[in-house]
């Protein structure tokens, strides 16, 4: 003899959508694995990359970083020059920036 709750179970089961453990589960596990891998890669790289803050005038840059050296950055070449370098503030594409920020953004000092 069946108990009352056993007879009602099929009605509830029919109301719920059927879920297959095959491809859907594999996709879910794959997505979770990908997100974890990306998160770990992001953390291993030191978090978010430094955004280069550049200024139109040398004075603006110096006010922004009074304890740092102001450099002339050329984003096209990925190089920066310090004051006294032959190409300092000569390129049309360049701007003034703080040396520390330029280095953290991946730029390198130009050689003479």
N, C-alpha and C. Protein backbone atom coordinates (compact mmCIF):
# COMPACT_ATOMS: atom_id res chain seq x y z
N UNK A 1 0.84 -1.17 0.00
CA UNK A 1 0.00 0.00 0.00
C UNK A 1 0.89 1.24 0.00
N UNK A 2 0.55 2.23 -0.77
CA UNK A 2 1.37 3.43 -0.91
C UNK A 2 0.90 4.51 0.07
N UNK A 3 1.84 5.19 0.64
CA UNK A 3 1.51 6.29 1.54
C UNK A 3 1.04 7.48 0.72
N UNK A 4 0.35 8.40 1.35
CA UNK A 4 -0.22 9.56 0.66
C UNK A 4 0.87 10.41 -0.02
N UNK A 5 2.01 10.65 0.66
CA UNK A 5 3.06 11.48 0.07
C UNK A 5 3.71 10.82 -1.13
N UNK A 6 3.70 9.48 -1.24
CA UNK A 6 4.26 8.78 -2.39
C UNK A 6 3.39 9.01 -3.63
N UNK A 7 2.08 9.11 -3.45
CA UNK A 7 1.20 9.33 -4.58
C UNK A 7 1.32 10.75 -5.13
N UNK A 8 1.64 11.71 -4.29
CA UNK A 8 1.73 13.11 -4.72
C UNK A 8 3.08 13.43 -5.36
N UNK A 9 4.09 12.65 -5.13
CA UNK A 9 5.43 12.91 -5.64
C UNK A 9 5.48 13.02 -7.16
N UNK A 10 4.84 12.14 -7.90
CA UNK A 10 4.91 12.27 -9.36
C UNK A 10 4.35 13.60 -9.87
N UNK A 11 3.33 14.15 -9.22
CA UNK A 11 2.79 15.44 -9.64
C UNK A 11 3.83 16.54 -9.50
N UNK A 12 4.55 16.54 -8.38
CA UNK A 12 5.59 17.54 -8.15
C UNK A 12 6.72 17.35 -9.15
N UNK A 13 7.11 16.12 -9.37
CA UNK A 13 8.20 15.83 -10.29
C UNK A 13 7.86 16.27 -11.70
N UNK A 14 6.60 16.14 -12.10
CA UNK A 14 6.22 16.56 -13.44
C UNK A 14 6.24 18.08 -13.58
N UNK A 15 6.06 18.80 -12.50
CA UNK A 15 6.05 20.25 -12.56
C UNK A 15 7.46 20.83 -12.70
N UNK A 16 8.46 20.08 -12.28
CA UNK A 16 9.85 20.56 -12.36
C UNK A 16 10.44 20.24 -13.72
N UNK A 17 11.27 21.11 -14.28
CA UNK A 17 11.89 20.82 -15.57
C UNK A 17 12.90 19.68 -15.43
N UNK A 18 13.01 18.91 -16.47
CA UNK A 18 13.99 17.82 -16.46
C UNK A 18 15.37 18.40 -16.74
N UNK A 19 16.35 17.97 -15.98
CA UNK A 19 17.72 18.43 -16.14
C UNK A 19 18.60 17.23 -16.38
N UNK A 20 19.32 17.27 -17.47
CA UNK A 20 20.24 16.18 -17.76
C UNK A 20 21.62 16.56 -17.27
N UNK A 21 22.33 15.61 -16.74
CA UNK A 21 23.65 15.86 -16.17
C UNK A 21 24.74 15.81 -17.22
N UNK A 22 24.43 15.55 -18.45
CA UNK A 22 25.42 15.38 -19.50
C UNK A 22 26.12 16.67 -19.88
N UNK A 23 25.76 17.22 -21.03
CA UNK A 23 26.45 18.38 -21.59
C UNK A 23 26.31 19.63 -20.75
N UNK A 24 25.15 19.85 -20.14
CA UNK A 24 24.93 21.04 -19.32
C UNK A 24 25.88 21.09 -18.14
N UNK A 25 26.06 19.96 -17.48
CA UNK A 25 26.97 19.90 -16.35
C UNK A 25 28.41 20.13 -16.80
N UNK A 26 28.77 19.53 -17.93
CA UNK A 26 30.13 19.74 -18.44
C UNK A 26 30.37 21.21 -18.78
N UNK A 27 29.38 21.86 -19.38
CA UNK A 27 29.52 23.28 -19.71
C UNK A 27 29.65 24.12 -18.46
N UNK A 28 28.87 23.80 -17.43
CA UNK A 28 28.93 24.54 -16.17
C UNK A 28 30.29 24.39 -15.51
N UNK A 29 30.77 23.15 -15.44
CA UNK A 29 32.08 22.91 -14.84
C UNK A 29 33.17 23.60 -15.65
N UNK A 30 33.06 23.55 -16.98
CA UNK A 30 34.04 24.21 -17.84
C UNK A 30 34.03 25.72 -17.63
N UNK A 31 32.84 26.31 -17.50
CA UNK A 31 32.74 27.75 -17.28
C UNK A 31 33.33 28.16 -15.94
N UNK A 32 33.04 27.38 -14.91
CA UNK A 32 33.58 27.67 -13.58
C UNK A 32 35.10 27.55 -13.60
N UNK A 33 35.61 26.51 -14.24
CA UNK A 33 37.06 26.33 -14.33
C UNK A 33 37.71 27.50 -15.06
N UNK A 34 37.09 27.95 -16.15
CA UNK A 34 37.63 29.08 -16.91
C UNK A 34 37.65 30.35 -16.06
N UNK A 35 36.58 30.63 -15.32
CA UNK A 35 36.53 31.81 -14.47
C UNK A 35 37.59 31.76 -13.37
N UNK A 36 37.78 30.59 -12.77
CA UNK A 36 38.80 30.44 -11.74
C UNK A 36 40.18 30.66 -12.33
N UNK A 37 40.44 30.08 -13.51
CA UNK A 37 41.75 30.24 -14.15
C UNK A 37 42.02 31.70 -14.49
N UNK A 38 41.01 32.40 -15.01
CA UNK A 38 41.18 33.82 -15.33
C UNK A 38 41.43 34.64 -14.07
N UNK A 39 40.72 34.33 -13.00
CA UNK A 39 40.91 35.05 -11.74
C UNK A 39 42.32 34.86 -11.20
N UNK A 40 42.79 33.62 -11.25
CA UNK A 40 44.15 33.35 -10.76
C UNK A 40 45.19 34.03 -11.62
N UNK A 41 45.00 34.04 -12.94
CA UNK A 41 45.93 34.71 -13.84
C UNK A 41 45.96 36.20 -13.56
N UNK A 42 44.78 36.78 -13.36
CA UNK A 42 44.66 38.21 -13.05
C UNK A 42 45.41 38.53 -11.75
N UNK A 43 45.22 37.70 -10.74
CA UNK A 43 45.89 37.92 -9.45
C UNK A 43 47.39 37.75 -9.56
N UNK A 44 47.83 36.78 -10.35
CA UNK A 44 49.26 36.53 -10.52
C UNK A 44 49.95 37.68 -11.23
N UNK A 45 49.21 38.38 -12.06
CA UNK A 45 49.79 39.49 -12.81
C UNK A 45 49.78 40.78 -11.99
N UNK A 46 49.37 40.72 -10.76
CA UNK A 46 49.40 41.90 -9.91
C UNK A 46 48.14 42.73 -9.97
N UNK A 47 47.05 42.15 -10.41
CA UNK A 47 45.80 42.90 -10.45
C UNK A 47 45.67 43.70 -11.72
N UNK A 48 44.98 44.81 -11.64
CA UNK A 48 44.74 45.61 -12.83
C UNK A 48 46.00 46.34 -13.26
N UNK A 49 46.16 46.51 -14.56
CA UNK A 49 47.32 47.23 -15.06
C UNK A 49 47.24 48.71 -14.71
N UNK A 50 48.39 49.36 -14.62
CA UNK A 50 48.43 50.79 -14.33
C UNK A 50 48.04 51.57 -15.57
N UNK A 51 47.14 52.49 -15.40
CA UNK A 51 46.73 53.36 -16.49
C UNK A 51 47.64 54.59 -16.46
N UNK A 52 48.20 54.92 -17.59
CA UNK A 52 49.10 56.06 -17.68
C UNK A 52 48.31 57.35 -17.63
N UNK A 53 48.57 58.17 -16.64
CA UNK A 53 47.96 59.49 -16.54
C UNK A 53 48.95 60.49 -17.11
N UNK A 54 48.56 61.14 -18.19
CA UNK A 54 49.45 62.08 -18.87
C UNK A 54 48.86 63.49 -18.82
N UNK A 55 49.75 64.47 -18.90
CA UNK A 55 49.35 65.87 -18.76
C UNK A 55 49.87 66.69 -19.93
N UNK A 56 49.18 67.79 -20.22
CA UNK A 56 49.59 68.66 -21.33
C UNK A 56 50.78 69.55 -20.96
N UNK A 57 50.88 69.89 -19.67
CA UNK A 57 51.99 70.76 -19.26
C UNK A 57 52.86 70.06 -18.22
N UNK A 58 54.10 70.47 -18.18
CA UNK A 58 55.05 69.93 -17.21
C UNK A 58 54.62 70.29 -15.79
N UNK A 59 54.08 71.48 -15.61
CA UNK A 59 53.63 71.93 -14.30
C UNK A 59 52.48 71.05 -13.78
N UNK A 60 51.53 70.71 -14.64
CA UNK A 60 50.42 69.84 -14.22
C UNK A 60 50.95 68.49 -13.74
N UNK A 61 51.90 67.94 -14.46
CA UNK A 61 52.47 66.65 -14.07
C UNK A 61 53.20 66.76 -12.74
N UNK A 62 53.98 67.82 -12.56
CA UNK A 62 54.74 67.99 -11.32
C UNK A 62 53.81 68.18 -10.13
N UNK A 63 52.70 68.87 -10.33
CA UNK A 63 51.72 69.03 -9.25
C UNK A 63 51.06 67.70 -8.89
N UNK A 64 50.91 66.86 -9.88
CA UNK A 64 50.29 65.55 -9.66
C UNK A 64 51.22 64.61 -8.87
N UNK A 65 52.51 64.71 -9.13
CA UNK A 65 53.47 63.83 -8.45
C UNK A 65 54.68 64.65 -7.99
N UNK A 66 54.52 65.43 -6.94
CA UNK A 66 55.60 66.32 -6.50
C UNK A 66 56.86 65.59 -6.05
N UNK A 67 56.75 64.33 -5.65
CA UNK A 67 57.91 63.57 -5.17
C UNK A 67 58.57 62.75 -6.28
N UNK A 68 58.06 62.82 -7.50
CA UNK A 68 58.57 62.01 -8.60
C UNK A 68 59.17 62.90 -9.68
N UNK A 69 59.88 62.28 -10.61
CA UNK A 69 60.47 62.99 -11.75
C UNK A 69 59.45 63.05 -12.87
N UNK A 70 59.31 64.20 -13.50
CA UNK A 70 58.42 64.35 -14.64
C UNK A 70 59.18 63.91 -15.89
N UNK A 71 58.52 63.10 -16.71
CA UNK A 71 59.13 62.61 -17.95
C UNK A 71 58.20 62.92 -19.12
N UNK A 72 58.76 62.86 -20.31
CA UNK A 72 57.98 63.02 -21.54
C UNK A 72 57.72 61.62 -22.09
N UNK A 73 56.46 61.24 -22.17
CA UNK A 73 56.12 59.90 -22.64
C UNK A 73 55.61 59.95 -24.07
N UNK A 74 56.01 58.94 -24.84
CA UNK A 74 55.52 58.77 -26.21
C UNK A 74 54.81 57.44 -26.27
N UNK A 75 53.47 57.43 -26.19
CA UNK A 75 52.73 56.17 -26.15
C UNK A 75 52.91 55.31 -27.40
N UNK A 76 53.22 55.93 -28.54
CA UNK A 76 53.41 55.15 -29.77
C UNK A 76 54.64 54.26 -29.68
N UNK A 77 55.71 54.78 -29.11
CA UNK A 77 56.95 54.00 -29.04
C UNK A 77 57.07 53.23 -27.73
N UNK A 78 56.31 53.64 -26.71
CA UNK A 78 56.41 53.00 -25.40
C UNK A 78 57.62 53.47 -24.61
N UNK A 79 58.20 54.59 -25.02
CA UNK A 79 59.39 55.13 -24.36
C UNK A 79 59.07 56.43 -23.64
N UNK A 80 59.91 56.75 -22.66
CA UNK A 80 59.83 58.05 -22.02
C UNK A 80 61.24 58.64 -21.93
N UNK A 81 61.29 59.99 -21.91
CA UNK A 81 62.57 60.70 -21.80
C UNK A 81 62.53 61.62 -20.60
N UNK A 82 63.66 61.72 -19.93
CA UNK A 82 63.79 62.66 -18.83
C UNK A 82 64.24 64.02 -19.39
N UNK A 83 64.00 65.04 -18.60
CA UNK A 83 64.43 66.38 -18.97
C UNK A 83 65.94 66.36 -19.22
N UNK A 84 66.38 66.99 -20.29
CA UNK A 84 67.79 66.99 -20.64
C UNK A 84 68.09 66.06 -21.81
N UNK A 85 67.19 65.12 -22.07
CA UNK A 85 67.34 64.22 -23.22
C UNK A 85 67.08 65.02 -24.48
N UNK A 86 67.75 64.71 -25.55
CA UNK A 86 67.61 65.46 -26.80
C UNK A 86 66.21 65.50 -27.38
N UNK A 87 65.39 64.50 -27.11
CA UNK A 87 64.04 64.44 -27.67
C UNK A 87 62.96 64.82 -26.66
N UNK A 88 63.37 65.33 -25.50
CA UNK A 88 62.41 65.66 -24.44
C UNK A 88 61.41 66.69 -24.96
N UNK A 89 60.12 66.36 -24.88
CA UNK A 89 59.00 67.24 -25.25
C UNK A 89 58.98 67.63 -26.72
N UNK A 90 59.57 66.82 -27.59
CA UNK A 90 59.58 67.17 -29.00
C UNK A 90 58.57 66.41 -29.86
N UNK A 91 58.16 65.23 -29.47
CA UNK A 91 57.22 64.48 -30.32
C UNK A 91 55.81 65.04 -30.17
N UNK A 92 55.07 65.06 -31.26
CA UNK A 92 53.70 65.58 -31.24
C UNK A 92 52.74 64.68 -30.48
N UNK A 93 53.04 63.38 -30.42
CA UNK A 93 52.14 62.42 -29.77
C UNK A 93 52.38 62.32 -28.27
N UNK A 94 53.43 62.94 -27.76
CA UNK A 94 53.80 62.77 -26.37
C UNK A 94 53.07 63.68 -25.40
N UNK A 95 53.23 63.34 -24.13
CA UNK A 95 52.68 64.12 -23.03
C UNK A 95 53.60 63.99 -21.83
N UNK A 96 53.39 64.81 -20.83
CA UNK A 96 54.16 64.76 -19.59
C UNK A 96 53.50 63.76 -18.65
N UNK A 97 54.31 63.06 -17.87
CA UNK A 97 53.79 62.10 -16.91
C UNK A 97 54.80 61.91 -15.79
N UNK A 98 54.40 61.22 -14.76
CA UNK A 98 55.28 60.88 -13.65
C UNK A 98 56.07 59.63 -14.03
N UNK A 99 57.36 59.62 -13.74
CA UNK A 99 58.21 58.50 -14.13
C UNK A 99 57.71 57.17 -13.54
N UNK A 100 57.36 57.17 -12.27
CA UNK A 100 56.89 55.93 -11.63
C UNK A 100 55.66 55.36 -12.31
N UNK A 101 54.73 56.22 -12.67
CA UNK A 101 53.51 55.78 -13.33
C UNK A 101 53.84 55.25 -14.73
N UNK A 102 54.73 55.93 -15.43
CA UNK A 102 55.14 55.49 -16.76
C UNK A 102 55.78 54.10 -16.70
N UNK A 103 56.64 53.87 -15.72
CA UNK A 103 57.29 52.56 -15.58
C UNK A 103 56.27 51.47 -15.24
N UNK A 104 55.34 51.77 -14.33
CA UNK A 104 54.32 50.78 -13.97
C UNK A 104 53.37 50.48 -15.13
N UNK A 105 53.24 51.43 -16.05
CA UNK A 105 52.40 51.24 -17.24
C UNK A 105 53.14 50.47 -18.32
N UNK A 106 54.40 50.12 -18.07
CA UNK A 106 55.15 49.31 -19.03
C UNK A 106 56.03 50.08 -19.99
N UNK A 107 56.24 51.36 -19.74
CA UNK A 107 57.08 52.17 -20.62
C UNK A 107 58.54 52.09 -20.15
N UNK A 108 59.45 52.33 -21.10
CA UNK A 108 60.88 52.24 -20.81
C UNK A 108 61.58 53.54 -21.11
N UNK A 109 62.68 53.80 -20.39
CA UNK A 109 63.46 55.00 -20.61
C UNK A 109 64.19 54.91 -21.94
N UNK A 110 64.17 56.01 -22.67
CA UNK A 110 64.89 56.07 -23.96
C UNK A 110 66.38 56.22 -23.66
N UNK A 111 67.19 55.62 -24.50
CA UNK A 111 68.64 55.76 -24.36
C UNK A 111 69.08 56.97 -25.18
N UNK A 112 70.19 57.58 -24.77
CA UNK A 112 70.70 58.76 -25.49
C UNK A 112 71.32 58.39 -26.80
